[in-house]
């Protein structure tokens, strides 16, 4: 660590926000790391190339980087997580379109590699009430968890979203508009796990909220 220069330390510290590896494009967007920066960290054994343009951190080094990041100023930590969230929210929006089109197989393969980053970014948006970013990824994540038969993981993530949206729906129109979709997708994943009654109840709540929004003049399509 003492042999790294200040830029290398900042980049390595920032890489702690990634989960399960990252591409050089993602590293650039989140930490500002260029391919040359990554090569320097590879040569110093702080970063590992893991194939197909992807990089990763050994788990012990990731924990060390996380410790350094936890000691950083709060605004820096927020900025790194916010950029990570923004990058993967945009990616989830693209993957959602691809999952419904001709690139379905490629999108699933990409999500297999990036699902931990995508999930972490989406849950960070949930935890910070970033409704627009939640909306970007909610359909794609639900499709992925359903098609990969990861029902429990998906249901847990959707349940957190429902709770978060419920908490702010009274003061946030976007949350009120997204909540029925979250409820319906959560209900689907409950049913997939054999929890039919609570799943149906969640979907009924979604339909009731849609009726309320439509009666108030909102576009619920």
C-alpha atoms as a PDB file:
ATOM      1  CA  UNK A   1       0.000   0.000   0.000  1.00  0.00           C
ATOM      2  CA  UNK A   2       2.827   2.415   0.849  1.00  0.00           C
ATOM      3  CA  UNK A   3       4.387   1.770  -2.569  1.00  0.00           C
ATOM      4  CA  UNK A   4       1.253   2.921  -4.420  1.00  0.00           C
ATOM      5  CA  UNK A   5       1.053   6.534  -5.507  1.00  0.00           C
ATOM      6  CA  UNK A   6      -1.925   8.660  -4.457  1.00  0.00           C
ATOM      7  CA  UNK A   7      -3.896   8.058  -7.659  1.00  0.00           C
ATOM      8  CA  UNK A   8      -3.407   4.290  -7.419  1.00  0.00           C
ATOM      9  CA  UNK A   9      -4.561   4.332  -3.801  1.00  0.00           C
ATOM     10  CA  UNK A  10      -7.686   6.301  -4.698  1.00  0.00           C
ATOM     11  CA  UNK A  11      -8.538   3.923  -7.532  1.00  0.00           C
ATOM     12  CA  UNK A  12      -7.873   0.755  -5.533  1.00  0.00           C
ATOM     13  CA  UNK A  13      -9.930   2.098  -2.642  1.00  0.00           C
ATOM     14  CA  UNK A  14     -12.785   2.896  -5.045  1.00  0.00           C
ATOM     15  CA  UNK A  15     -12.750  -0.577  -6.574  1.00  0.00           C
ATOM     16  CA  UNK A  16     -14.094  -1.882  -3.247  1.00  0.00           C
ATOM     17  CA  UNK A  17     -17.612  -0.882  -4.333  1.00  0.00           C
ATOM     18  CA  UNK A  18     -17.653  -3.602  -7.000  1.00  0.00           C
ATOM     19  CA  UNK A  19     -19.005  -7.076  -6.322  1.00  0.00           C
ATOM     20  CA  UNK A  20     -17.883 -10.096  -8.305  1.00  0.00           C
ATOM     21  CA  UNK A  21     -15.542  -8.364 -10.749  1.00  0.00           C
ATOM     22  CA  UNK A  22     -15.841  -5.472 -13.169  1.00  0.00           C
ATOM     23  CA  UNK A  23     -15.000  -4.373 -16.701  1.00  0.00           C
ATOM     24  CA  UNK A  24     -12.539  -1.617 -17.518  1.00  0.00           C
ATOM     25  CA  UNK A  25     -15.497   0.485 -18.731  1.00  0.00           C
ATOM     26  CA  UNK A  26     -17.164   0.142 -15.333  1.00  0.00           C
ATOM     27  CA  UNK A  27     -13.933   0.947 -13.497  1.00  0.00           C
ATOM     28  CA  UNK A  28     -13.517   4.093 -15.595  1.00  0.00           C
ATOM     29  CA  UNK A  29     -17.105   5.229 -14.973  1.00  0.00           C
ATOM     30  CA  UNK A  30     -16.995   4.632 -11.231  1.00  0.00           C
ATOM     31  CA  UNK A  31     -13.399   5.334 -10.185  1.00  0.00           C
ATOM     32  CA  UNK A  32     -11.897   7.121 -13.189  1.00  0.00           C
ATOM     33  CA  UNK A  33      -9.409   4.281 -13.721  1.00  0.00           C
ATOM     34  CA  UNK A  34      -7.952   4.093 -17.224  1.00  0.00           C
ATOM     35  CA  UNK A  35      -6.686   0.815 -18.739  1.00  0.00           C
ATOM     36  CA  UNK A  36      -3.167   2.021 -17.905  1.00  0.00           C
ATOM     37  CA  UNK A  37      -4.158   2.534 -14.260  1.00  0.00           C
ATOM     38  CA  UNK A  38      -5.593  -0.972 -14.097  1.00  0.00           C
ATOM     39  CA  UNK A  39      -2.476  -2.440 -15.726  1.00  0.00           C
ATOM     40  CA  UNK A  40      -0.329  -0.715 -13.117  1.00  0.00           C
ATOM     41  CA  UNK A  41      -2.424  -2.223 -10.314  1.00  0.00           C
ATOM     42  CA  UNK A  42      -2.259  -5.635 -12.012  1.00  0.00           C
ATOM     43  CA  UNK A  43       1.523  -5.382 -12.205  1.00  0.00           C
ATOM     44  CA  UNK A  44       1.614  -4.562  -8.487  1.00  0.00           C
ATOM     45  CA  UNK A  45      -0.692  -7.520  -7.699  1.00  0.00           C
ATOM     46  CA  UNK A  46      -3.535  -5.384  -6.346  1.00  0.00           C
ATOM     47  CA  UNK A  47      -5.915  -6.243  -9.208  1.00  0.00           C
ATOM     48  CA  UNK A  48      -6.331  -9.542 -11.072  1.00  0.00           C
ATOM     49  CA  UNK A  49      -7.348  -9.956 -14.719  1.00  0.00           C
ATOM     50  CA  UNK A  50     -10.081 -12.595 -14.822  1.00  0.00           C
ATOM     51  CA  UNK A  51     -10.632 -12.893 -18.558  1.00  0.00           C
ATOM     52  CA  UNK A  52     -12.697 -11.294 -21.326  1.00  0.00           C
ATOM     53  CA  UNK A  53     -11.799  -7.725 -20.358  1.00  0.00           C
ATOM     54  CA  UNK A  54     -12.798  -8.247 -16.721  1.00  0.00           C
ATOM     55  CA  UNK A  55     -10.875  -7.634 -13.540  1.00  0.00           C
ATOM     56  CA  UNK A  56     -11.315  -8.586  -9.924  1.00  0.00           C
ATOM     57  CA  UNK A  57      -9.837  -8.272  -6.467  1.00  0.00           C
ATOM     58  CA  UNK A  58      -8.686 -11.151  -4.314  1.00  0.00           C
ATOM     59  CA  UNK A  59     -11.146 -11.336  -1.423  1.00  0.00           C
ATOM     60  CA  UNK A  60      -8.559 -10.387   1.205  1.00  0.00           C
ATOM     61  CA  UNK A  61      -7.484  -7.400  -0.891  1.00  0.00           C
ATOM     62  CA  UNK A  62     -11.126  -6.436  -1.438  1.00  0.00           C
ATOM     63  CA  UNK A  63     -11.644  -6.445   2.319  1.00  0.00           C
ATOM     64  CA  UNK A  64      -8.536  -4.298   2.726  1.00  0.00           C
ATOM     65  CA  UNK A  65      -9.812  -1.863   0.080  1.00  0.00           C
ATOM     66  CA  UNK A  66     -13.193  -1.815   1.834  1.00  0.00           C
ATOM     67  CA  UNK A  67     -11.493  -0.916   5.089  1.00  0.00           C
ATOM     68  CA  UNK A  68      -9.691   1.946   3.391  1.00  0.00           C
ATOM     69  CA  UNK A  69     -12.940   3.106   1.791  1.00  0.00           C
ATOM     70  CA  UNK A  70     -14.811   2.923   5.103  1.00  0.00           C
ATOM     71  CA  UNK A  71     -12.199   5.298   6.542  1.00  0.00           C
ATOM     72  CA  UNK A  72     -12.626   7.775   3.668  1.00  0.00           C
ATOM     73  CA  UNK A  73     -14.749  10.939   3.983  1.00  0.00           C
ATOM     74  CA  UNK A  74     -18.509  10.245   3.820  1.00  0.00           C
ATOM     75  CA  UNK A  75     -18.963  12.302   0.640  1.00  0.00           C
ATOM     76  CA  UNK A  76     -16.344  10.250  -1.209  1.00  0.00           C
ATOM     77  CA  UNK A  77     -18.030   7.010  -0.165  1.00  0.00           C
ATOM     78  CA  UNK A  78     -21.394   8.362  -1.273  1.00  0.00           C
ATOM     79  CA  UNK A  79     -20.043   9.568  -4.622  1.00  0.00           C
ATOM     80  CA  UNK A  80     -18.467   6.195  -5.424  1.00  0.00           C
ATOM     81  CA  UNK A  81     -21.625   4.257  -4.566  1.00  0.00           C
ATOM     82  CA  UNK A  82     -23.735   6.771  -6.459  1.00  0.00           C
ATOM     83  CA  UNK A  83     -21.631   6.412  -9.617  1.00  0.00           C
ATOM     84  CA  UNK A  84     -21.704   2.619  -9.239  1.00  0.00           C
ATOM     85  CA  UNK A  85     -25.485   2.767  -8.867  1.00  0.00           C
ATOM     86  CA  UNK A  86     -25.880   5.069 -11.882  1.00  0.00           C
ATOM     87  CA  UNK A  87     -23.668   2.882 -14.103  1.00  0.00           C
ATOM     88  CA  UNK A  88     -25.472  -0.365 -13.321  1.00  0.00           C
ATOM     89  CA  UNK A  89     -28.920   1.241 -13.354  1.00  0.00           C
ATOM     90  CA  UNK A  90     -28.266   2.310 -16.946  1.00  0.00           C
ATOM     91  CA  UNK A  91     -26.936  -1.162 -17.707  1.00  0.00           C
ATOM     92  CA  UNK A  92     -30.026  -2.803 -16.200  1.00  0.00           C
ATOM     93  CA  UNK A  93     -32.235  -0.639 -18.369  1.00  0.00           C
ATOM     94  CA  UNK A  94     -30.367  -1.843 -21.478  1.00  0.00           C
ATOM     95  CA  UNK A  95     -30.461  -5.471 -20.331  1.00  0.00           C
ATOM     96  CA  UNK A  96     -34.200  -5.198 -19.688  1.00  0.00           C
ATOM     97  CA  UNK A  97     -34.779  -4.218 -23.323  1.00  0.00           C
ATOM     98  CA  UNK A  98     -32.410  -6.938 -24.515  1.00  0.00           C
ATOM     99  CA  UNK A  99     -34.139  -9.621 -22.436  1.00  0.00           C
ATOM    100  CA  UNK A 100     -37.313  -8.898 -24.392  1.00  0.00           C
ATOM    101  CA  UNK A 101     -35.609  -8.852 -27.791  1.00  0.00           C
ATOM    102  CA  UNK A 102     -33.153 -10.557 -30.094  1.00  0.00           C
ATOM    103  CA  UNK A 103     -30.204 -10.203 -27.650  1.00  0.00           C
ATOM    104  CA  UNK A 104     -31.878 -12.223 -24.920  1.00  0.00           C
ATOM    105  CA  UNK A 105     -29.173 -14.888 -24.680  1.00  0.00           C
ATOM    106  CA  UNK A 106     -26.353 -12.325 -24.690  1.00  0.00           C
ATOM    107  CA  UNK A 107     -28.102 -10.249 -22.033  1.00  0.00           C
ATOM    108  CA  UNK A 108     -28.520 -13.279 -19.782  1.00  0.00           C
ATOM    109  CA  UNK A 109     -24.844 -14.157 -20.178  1.00  0.00           C
ATOM    110  CA  UNK A 110     -23.856 -10.575 -19.317  1.00  0.00           C
ATOM    111  CA  UNK A 111     -26.151 -10.552 -16.308  1.00  0.00           C
ATOM    112  CA  UNK A 112     -24.666 -13.839 -15.105  1.00  0.00           C
ATOM    113  CA  UNK A 113     -21.349 -11.991 -14.835  1.00  0.00           C
ATOM    114  CA  UNK A 114     -22.739  -8.748 -13.449  1.00  0.00           C
ATOM    115  CA  UNK A 115     -25.693  -9.794 -11.305  1.00  0.00           C
ATOM    116  CA  UNK A 116     -23.916  -9.078  -8.007  1.00  0.00           C
ATOM    117  CA  UNK A 117     -23.017  -5.562  -9.141  1.00  0.00           C
ATOM    118  CA  UNK A 118     -26.506  -5.038 -10.551  1.00  0.00           C
ATOM    119  CA  UNK A 119     -28.171  -6.264  -7.370  1.00  0.00           C
ATOM    120  CA  UNK A 120     -25.919  -4.170  -5.106  1.00  0.00           C
ATOM    121  CA  UNK A 121     -26.518  -1.056  -7.201  1.00  0.00           C
ATOM    122  CA  UNK A 122     -30.275  -1.592  -7.264  1.00  0.00           C
ATOM    123  CA  UNK A 123     -30.487  -2.208  -3.526  1.00  0.00           C
ATOM    124  CA  UNK A 124     -28.423   0.931  -2.928  1.00  0.00           C
ATOM    125  CA  UNK A 125     -31.033   2.816  -4.947  1.00  0.00           C
ATOM    126  CA  UNK A 126     -33.751   1.172  -2.837  1.00  0.00           C
ATOM    127  CA  UNK A 127     -32.003   2.143   0.390  1.00  0.00           C
ATOM    128  CA  UNK A 128     -31.612   5.764  -0.715  1.00  0.00           C
ATOM    129  CA  UNK A 129     -35.092   6.192  -2.152  1.00  0.00           C
ATOM    130  CA  UNK A 130     -33.853   6.702  -5.729  1.00  0.00           C
ATOM    131  CA  UNK A 131     -37.099   5.782  -7.445  1.00  0.00           C
ATOM    132  CA  UNK A 132     -36.040   6.535 -11.021  1.00  0.00           C
ATOM    133  CA  UNK A 133     -33.069   4.190 -10.730  1.00  0.00           C
ATOM    134  CA  UNK A 134     -35.209   1.492  -9.171  1.00  0.00           C
ATOM    135  CA  UNK A 135     -37.579   1.818 -12.118  1.00  0.00           C
ATOM    136  CA  UNK A 136     -34.696   1.345 -14.549  1.00  0.00           C
ATOM    137  CA  UNK A 137     -33.831  -2.074 -13.187  1.00  0.00           C
ATOM    138  CA  UNK A 138     -36.871  -3.625 -11.564  1.00  0.00           C
ATOM    139  CA  UNK A 139     -38.216  -5.491 -14.600  1.00  0.00           C
ATOM    140  CA  UNK A 140     -34.843  -6.804 -15.756  1.00  0.00           C
ATOM    141  CA  UNK A 141     -33.879  -8.061 -12.308  1.00  0.00           C
ATOM    142  CA  UNK A 142     -37.238  -9.792 -11.917  1.00  0.00           C
ATOM    143  CA  UNK A 143     -36.906 -11.493 -15.299  1.00  0.00           C
ATOM    144  CA  UNK A 144     -33.378 -12.617 -14.514  1.00  0.00           C
ATOM    145  CA  UNK A 145     -34.265 -14.055 -11.119  1.00  0.00           C
ATOM    146  CA  UNK A 146     -37.282 -15.837 -12.589  1.00  0.00           C
ATOM    147  CA  UNK A 147     -35.507 -17.301 -15.603  1.00  0.00           C
ATOM    148  CA  UNK A 148     -32.496 -18.373 -13.558  1.00  0.00           C
ATOM    149  CA  UNK A 149     -34.816 -19.927 -10.934  1.00  0.00           C
ATOM    150  CA  UNK A 150     -33.376 -17.733  -8.169  1.00  0.00           C
ATOM    151  CA  UNK A 151     -36.806 -17.056  -6.705  1.00  0.00           C
ATOM    152  CA  UNK A 152     -35.844 -16.559  -3.068  1.00  0.00           C
ATOM    153  CA  UNK A 153     -33.103 -14.048  -3.870  1.00  0.00           C
ATOM    154  CA  UNK A 154     -35.421 -12.133  -6.178  1.00  0.00           C
ATOM    155  CA  UNK A 155     -38.305 -12.167  -3.706  1.00  0.00           C
ATOM    156  CA  UNK A 156     -36.066 -10.770  -0.970  1.00  0.00           C
ATOM    157  CA  UNK A 157     -34.895  -7.922  -3.219  1.00  0.00           C
ATOM    158  CA  UNK A 158     -38.429  -7.094  -4.386  1.00  0.00           C
ATOM    159  CA  UNK A 159     -39.765  -7.188  -0.829  1.00  0.00           C
ATOM    160  CA  UNK A 160     -37.181  -4.600   0.217  1.00  0.00           C
ATOM    161  CA  UNK A 161     -38.250  -2.438  -2.704  1.00  0.00           C
ATOM    162  CA  UNK A 162     -41.923  -2.706  -1.751  1.00  0.00           C
ATOM    163  CA  UNK A 163     -41.171  -1.683   1.833  1.00  0.00           C
ATOM    164  CA  UNK A 164     -39.011   1.223   0.696  1.00  0.00           C
ATOM    165  CA  UNK A 165     -41.573   2.496  -1.806  1.00  0.00           C
ATOM    166  CA  UNK A 166     -44.381   2.203   0.729  1.00  0.00           C
ATOM    167  CA  UNK A 167     -42.388   4.363   3.135  1.00  0.00           C
ATOM    168  CA  UNK A 168     -42.142   7.284   0.695  1.00  0.00           C
ATOM    169  CA  UNK A 169     -45.206   6.819  -1.519  1.00  0.00           C
ATOM    170  CA  UNK A 170     -47.235   9.355   0.426  1.00  0.00           C
ATOM    171  CA  UNK A 171     -44.890  12.185  -0.545  1.00  0.00           C
ATOM    172  CA  UNK A 172     -43.434  10.895  -3.836  1.00  0.00           C
ATOM    173  CA  UNK A 173     -45.589  10.434  -6.939  1.00  0.00           C
ATOM    174  CA  UNK A 174     -42.920   8.350  -8.664  1.00  0.00           C
ATOM    175  CA  UNK A 175     -42.911   5.923  -5.735  1.00  0.00           C
ATOM    176  CA  UNK A 176     -46.716   5.656  -5.873  1.00  0.00           C
ATOM    177  CA  UNK A 177     -46.543   4.882  -9.581  1.00  0.00           C
ATOM    178  CA  UNK A 178     -43.774   2.269  -9.182  1.00  0.00           C
ATOM    179  CA  UNK A 179     -45.233   0.571  -6.109  1.00  0.00           C
ATOM    180  CA  UNK A 180     -47.941  -1.426  -7.971  1.00  0.00           C
ATOM    181  CA  UNK A 181     -45.320  -2.827 -10.350  1.00  0.00           C
ATOM    182  CA  UNK A 182     -43.072  -3.785  -7.428  1.00  0.00           C
ATOM    183  CA  UNK A 183     -46.003  -5.437  -5.658  1.00  0.00           C
ATOM    184  CA  UNK A 184     -47.003  -7.416  -8.745  1.00  0.00           C
ATOM    185  CA  UNK A 185     -43.461  -8.615  -9.449  1.00  0.00           C
ATOM    186  CA  UNK A 186     -42.967  -9.480  -5.777  1.00  0.00           C
ATOM    187  CA  UNK A 187     -46.260 -11.396  -5.858  1.00  0.00           C
ATOM    188  CA  UNK A 188     -45.103 -13.370  -8.894  1.00  0.00           C
ATOM    189  CA  UNK A 189     -41.912 -14.422  -7.104  1.00  0.00           C
ATOM    190  CA  UNK A 190     -43.853 -15.414  -3.993  1.00  0.00           C
ATOM    191  CA  UNK A 191     -46.093 -17.619  -6.147  1.00  0.00           C
ATOM    192  CA  UNK A 192     -43.046 -19.156  -7.851  1.00  0.00           C
ATOM    193  CA  UNK A 193     -41.874 -20.259  -4.402  1.00  0.00           C
ATOM    194  CA  UNK A 194     -45.220 -21.879  -3.660  1.00  0.00           C
ATOM    195  CA  UNK A 195     -46.396 -19.039  -1.421  1.00  0.00           C
ATOM    196  CA  UNK A 196     -49.583 -18.605  -3.383  1.00  0.00           C
ATOM    197  CA  UNK A 197     -51.834 -16.769  -0.900  1.00  0.00           C
ATOM    198  CA  UNK A 198     -49.442 -13.914  -0.019  1.00  0.00           C
ATOM    199  CA  UNK A 199     -48.463 -13.697  -3.695  1.00  0.00           C
ATOM    200  CA  UNK A 200     -52.070 -13.284  -4.808  1.00  0.00           C
ATOM    201  CA  UNK A 201     -52.646 -10.729  -2.035  1.00  0.00           C
ATOM    202  CA  UNK A 202     -49.681  -8.658  -3.237  1.00  0.00           C
ATOM    203  CA  UNK A 203     -51.029  -8.677  -6.788  1.00  0.00           C
ATOM    204  CA  UNK A 204     -54.505  -7.702  -5.572  1.00  0.00           C
ATOM    205  CA  UNK A 205     -52.962  -4.777  -3.708  1.00  0.00           C
ATOM    206  CA  UNK A 206     -51.187  -3.778  -6.916  1.00  0.00           C
ATOM    207  CA  UNK A 207     -54.446  -3.822  -8.885  1.00  0.00           C
ATOM    208  CA  UNK A 208     -56.211  -1.785  -6.206  1.00  0.00           C
ATOM    209  CA  UNK A 209     -53.448   0.839  -6.261  1.00  0.00           C
ATOM    210  CA  UNK A 210     -53.632   1.004 -10.060  1.00  0.00           C
ATOM    211  CA  UNK A 211     -57.372   1.656  -9.849  1.00  0.00           C
ATOM    212  CA  UNK A 212     -56.757   4.441  -7.327  1.00  0.00           C
ATOM    213  CA  UNK A 213     -54.077   6.058  -9.479  1.00  0.00           C
ATOM    214  CA  UNK A 214     -56.209   5.831 -12.607  1.00  0.00           C
ATOM    215  CA  UNK A 215     -59.191   7.342 -10.782  1.00  0.00           C
ATOM    216  CA  UNK A 216     -56.928  10.244  -9.773  1.00  0.00           C
ATOM    217  CA  UNK A 217     -56.097  10.868 -13.428  1.00  0.00           C
ATOM    218  CA  UNK A 218     -52.651   9.291 -13.626  1.00  0.00           C
ATOM    219  CA  UNK A 219     -51.424   7.361 -16.662  1.00  0.00           C
ATOM    220  CA  UNK A 220     -51.031   3.807 -15.323  1.00  0.00           C
ATOM    221  CA  UNK A 221     -50.275   2.016 -18.589  1.00  0.00           C
END
